[in-house]
């Protein structure tokens, strides 16, 4: 199945305009630095673009800024998560400020998620 070229182009532009939190998370996840897992960033899973995706364990990591706190965004994110979980993917969400200020805590949580997913 061919992916919508406009979606691919938008994902590419998102990679080039990453937030500080996305850049920091990418430094941790890229090049198999986390548990020797290959992550992709701004990866298309139609009709969505996810922030970080690891195919090997079916993990989606989403980073949220303040705009995700509105009622509409909360509803949209819930629908999106439900869609991705229906594809048998595990979705975790982190606030940008947590990535920037508490990376050690997030990495410990990701390690625990990895260990659970690896067992299943």
C-alpha atoms as a PDB file:
ATOM      1  CA  UNK A   1       0.000   0.000   0.000  1.00  0.00           C
ATOM      2  CA  UNK A   2       1.420   3.351  -1.039  1.00  0.00           C
ATOM      3  CA  UNK A   3       1.594   6.090   1.571  1.00  0.00           C
ATOM      4  CA  UNK A   4       0.132   9.495   0.725  1.00  0.00           C
ATOM      5  CA  UNK A   5       3.084  11.544  -0.633  1.00  0.00           C
ATOM      6  CA  UNK A   6       1.757  14.736   1.023  1.00  0.00           C
ATOM      7  CA  UNK A   7       1.785  12.985   4.395  1.00  0.00           C
ATOM      8  CA  UNK A   8       5.372  11.847   3.800  1.00  0.00           C
ATOM      9  CA  UNK A   9       6.401  15.382   2.855  1.00  0.00           C
ATOM     10  CA  UNK A  10       4.710  16.801   5.962  1.00  0.00           C
ATOM     11  CA  UNK A  11       6.506  14.232   8.151  1.00  0.00           C
ATOM     12  CA  UNK A  12       9.809  15.269   6.573  1.00  0.00           C
ATOM     13  CA  UNK A  13       9.126  18.942   7.287  1.00  0.00           C
ATOM     14  CA  UNK A  14       8.227  18.063  10.898  1.00  0.00           C
ATOM     15  CA  UNK A  15      11.607  16.346  11.303  1.00  0.00           C
ATOM     16  CA  UNK A  16      13.294  19.556  10.172  1.00  0.00           C
ATOM     17  CA  UNK A  17      11.348  21.750  12.627  1.00  0.00           C
ATOM     18  CA  UNK A  18      11.545  19.589  15.748  1.00  0.00           C
ATOM     19  CA  UNK A  19      10.804  21.058  19.165  1.00  0.00           C
ATOM     20  CA  UNK A  20      13.541  21.117  21.820  1.00  0.00           C
ATOM     21  CA  UNK A  21      11.880  18.156  23.523  1.00  0.00           C
ATOM     22  CA  UNK A  22      11.710  16.166  20.265  1.00  0.00           C
ATOM     23  CA  UNK A  23      15.368  16.914  19.536  1.00  0.00           C
ATOM     24  CA  UNK A  24      16.417  15.775  23.002  1.00  0.00           C
ATOM     25  CA  UNK A  25      14.317  12.601  22.837  1.00  0.00           C
ATOM     26  CA  UNK A  26      15.750  11.844  19.387  1.00  0.00           C
ATOM     27  CA  UNK A  27      19.298  12.145  20.746  1.00  0.00           C
ATOM     28  CA  UNK A  28      18.402   9.443  23.276  1.00  0.00           C
ATOM     29  CA  UNK A  29      16.517   7.110  20.898  1.00  0.00           C
ATOM     30  CA  UNK A  30      18.407   7.479  17.607  1.00  0.00           C
ATOM     31  CA  UNK A  31      21.015   5.055  16.278  1.00  0.00           C
ATOM     32  CA  UNK A  32      19.853   2.234  18.557  1.00  0.00           C
ATOM     33  CA  UNK A  33      21.071   4.090  21.668  1.00  0.00           C
ATOM     34  CA  UNK A  34      18.104   2.919  23.742  1.00  0.00           C
ATOM     35  CA  UNK A  35      18.074  -0.837  24.368  1.00  0.00           C
ATOM     36  CA  UNK A  36      19.539  -1.408  20.887  1.00  0.00           C
ATOM     37  CA  UNK A  37      16.097  -0.647  19.400  1.00  0.00           C
ATOM     38  CA  UNK A  38      15.623   1.103  16.066  1.00  0.00           C
ATOM     39  CA  UNK A  39      13.312   4.096  16.369  1.00  0.00           C
ATOM     40  CA  UNK A  40      11.960   6.251  13.564  1.00  0.00           C
ATOM     41  CA  UNK A  41      10.888   9.840  14.142  1.00  0.00           C
ATOM     42  CA  UNK A  42       7.885  11.553  12.593  1.00  0.00           C
ATOM     43  CA  UNK A  43       6.842   8.190  11.183  1.00  0.00           C
ATOM     44  CA  UNK A  44       3.688   7.853   9.083  1.00  0.00           C
ATOM     45  CA  UNK A  45       1.085   5.382  10.294  1.00  0.00           C
ATOM     46  CA  UNK A  46      -1.791   6.494   8.098  1.00  0.00           C
ATOM     47  CA  UNK A  47      -3.685   8.654   8.629  1.00  0.00           C
ATOM     48  CA  UNK A  48      -1.348   9.898  11.384  1.00  0.00           C
ATOM     49  CA  UNK A  49       2.263  10.902  11.891  1.00  0.00           C
ATOM     50  CA  UNK A  50       3.663   9.649  15.201  1.00  0.00           C
ATOM     51  CA  UNK A  51       6.589  11.333  16.937  1.00  0.00           C
ATOM     52  CA  UNK A  52       8.677   8.192  17.558  1.00  0.00           C
ATOM     53  CA  UNK A  53       8.020   4.614  16.494  1.00  0.00           C
ATOM     54  CA  UNK A  54       9.761   1.318  17.181  1.00  0.00           C
ATOM     55  CA  UNK A  55       8.443  -1.416  14.884  1.00  0.00           C
ATOM     56  CA  UNK A  56      10.341  -4.193  16.682  1.00  0.00           C
ATOM     57  CA  UNK A  57       8.266  -3.897  19.869  1.00  0.00           C
ATOM     58  CA  UNK A  58       5.267  -1.965  18.501  1.00  0.00           C
ATOM     59  CA  UNK A  59       5.889   1.156  20.563  1.00  0.00           C
ATOM     60  CA  UNK A  60       4.753   4.700  19.770  1.00  0.00           C
ATOM     61  CA  UNK A  61       6.160   7.572  21.851  1.00  0.00           C
ATOM     62  CA  UNK A  62       4.282  10.865  21.575  1.00  0.00           C
ATOM     63  CA  UNK A  63       5.527  14.176  22.975  1.00  0.00           C
ATOM     64  CA  UNK A  64       2.916  16.781  23.815  1.00  0.00           C
ATOM     65  CA  UNK A  65       3.207  20.529  24.219  1.00  0.00           C
ATOM     66  CA  UNK A  66       0.688  22.803  25.894  1.00  0.00           C
ATOM     67  CA  UNK A  67      -1.618  22.772  22.862  1.00  0.00           C
ATOM     68  CA  UNK A  68      -2.503  19.169  23.771  1.00  0.00           C
ATOM     69  CA  UNK A  69      -4.229  20.341  26.961  1.00  0.00           C
ATOM     70  CA  UNK A  70      -7.332  21.742  25.245  1.00  0.00           C
ATOM     71  CA  UNK A  71     -10.572  19.738  25.234  1.00  0.00           C
ATOM     72  CA  UNK A  72     -10.464  19.304  21.437  1.00  0.00           C
ATOM     73  CA  UNK A  73      -6.854  18.120  21.515  1.00  0.00           C
ATOM     74  CA  UNK A  74      -7.533  15.703  24.378  1.00  0.00           C
ATOM     75  CA  UNK A  75     -10.408  14.196  22.389  1.00  0.00           C
ATOM     76  CA  UNK A  76      -8.322  14.028  19.189  1.00  0.00           C
ATOM     77  CA  UNK A  77      -5.393  12.406  21.019  1.00  0.00           C
ATOM     78  CA  UNK A  78      -7.731   9.841  22.603  1.00  0.00           C
ATOM     79  CA  UNK A  79      -9.149   8.896  19.162  1.00  0.00           C
ATOM     80  CA  UNK A  80      -5.655   8.697  17.733  1.00  0.00           C
ATOM     81  CA  UNK A  81      -4.440   6.503  20.586  1.00  0.00           C
ATOM     82  CA  UNK A  82      -7.464   4.212  20.203  1.00  0.00           C
ATOM     83  CA  UNK A  83      -6.734   3.864  16.463  1.00  0.00           C
ATOM     84  CA  UNK A  84      -3.051   3.035  17.068  1.00  0.00           C
ATOM     85  CA  UNK A  85      -3.878   0.577  19.866  1.00  0.00           C
ATOM     86  CA  UNK A  86      -6.295  -1.168  17.490  1.00  0.00           C
ATOM     87  CA  UNK A  87      -3.205  -1.842  15.343  1.00  0.00           C
ATOM     88  CA  UNK A  88      -1.745  -3.593  18.412  1.00  0.00           C
ATOM     89  CA  UNK A  89       0.657  -0.735  19.167  1.00  0.00           C
ATOM     90  CA  UNK A  90       1.539   0.492  22.654  1.00  0.00           C
ATOM     91  CA  UNK A  91       1.215   4.290  22.861  1.00  0.00           C
ATOM     92  CA  UNK A  92       2.911   6.358  25.566  1.00  0.00           C
ATOM     93  CA  UNK A  93       2.614  10.120  25.887  1.00  0.00           C
ATOM     94  CA  UNK A  94       4.941  12.532  27.634  1.00  0.00           C
ATOM     95  CA  UNK A  95       4.714  16.273  28.150  1.00  0.00           C
ATOM     96  CA  UNK A  96       7.532  18.272  26.555  1.00  0.00           C
ATOM     97  CA  UNK A  97       8.503  19.798  29.917  1.00  0.00           C
ATOM     98  CA  UNK A  98       8.915  16.290  31.393  1.00  0.00           C
ATOM     99  CA  UNK A  99      11.273  15.351  28.555  1.00  0.00           C
ATOM    100  CA  UNK A 100      13.310  18.494  29.168  1.00  0.00           C
ATOM    101  CA  UNK A 101      13.334  18.313  32.974  1.00  0.00           C
ATOM    102  CA  UNK A 102      12.890  14.643  33.937  1.00  0.00           C
ATOM    103  CA  UNK A 103      14.469  12.557  31.166  1.00  0.00           C
ATOM    104  CA  UNK A 104      15.891  10.065  33.684  1.00  0.00           C
ATOM    105  CA  UNK A 105      12.371   9.275  34.964  1.00  0.00           C
ATOM    106  CA  UNK A 106      11.015   8.909  31.430  1.00  0.00           C
ATOM    107  CA  UNK A 107      13.826   6.579  30.414  1.00  0.00           C
ATOM    108  CA  UNK A 108      13.202   4.390  33.443  1.00  0.00           C
ATOM    109  CA  UNK A 109       9.524   4.221  32.499  1.00  0.00           C
ATOM    110  CA  UNK A 110      10.403   3.410  28.870  1.00  0.00           C
ATOM    111  CA  UNK A 111      12.730   0.665  30.078  1.00  0.00           C
ATOM    112  CA  UNK A 112       9.884  -0.881  32.108  1.00  0.00           C
ATOM    113  CA  UNK A 113       7.541  -0.653  29.099  1.00  0.00           C
ATOM    114  CA  UNK A 114      10.216  -2.247  26.891  1.00  0.00           C
ATOM    115  CA  UNK A 115      10.660  -5.131  29.347  1.00  0.00           C
ATOM    116  CA  UNK A 116       6.886  -5.745  29.469  1.00  0.00           C
ATOM    117  CA  UNK A 117       6.545  -5.621  25.677  1.00  0.00           C
ATOM    118  CA  UNK A 118       9.545  -7.872  25.158  1.00  0.00           C
ATOM    119  CA  UNK A 119       8.034 -10.536  27.418  1.00  0.00           C
ATOM    120  CA  UNK A 120       4.722 -10.583  25.493  1.00  0.00           C
END
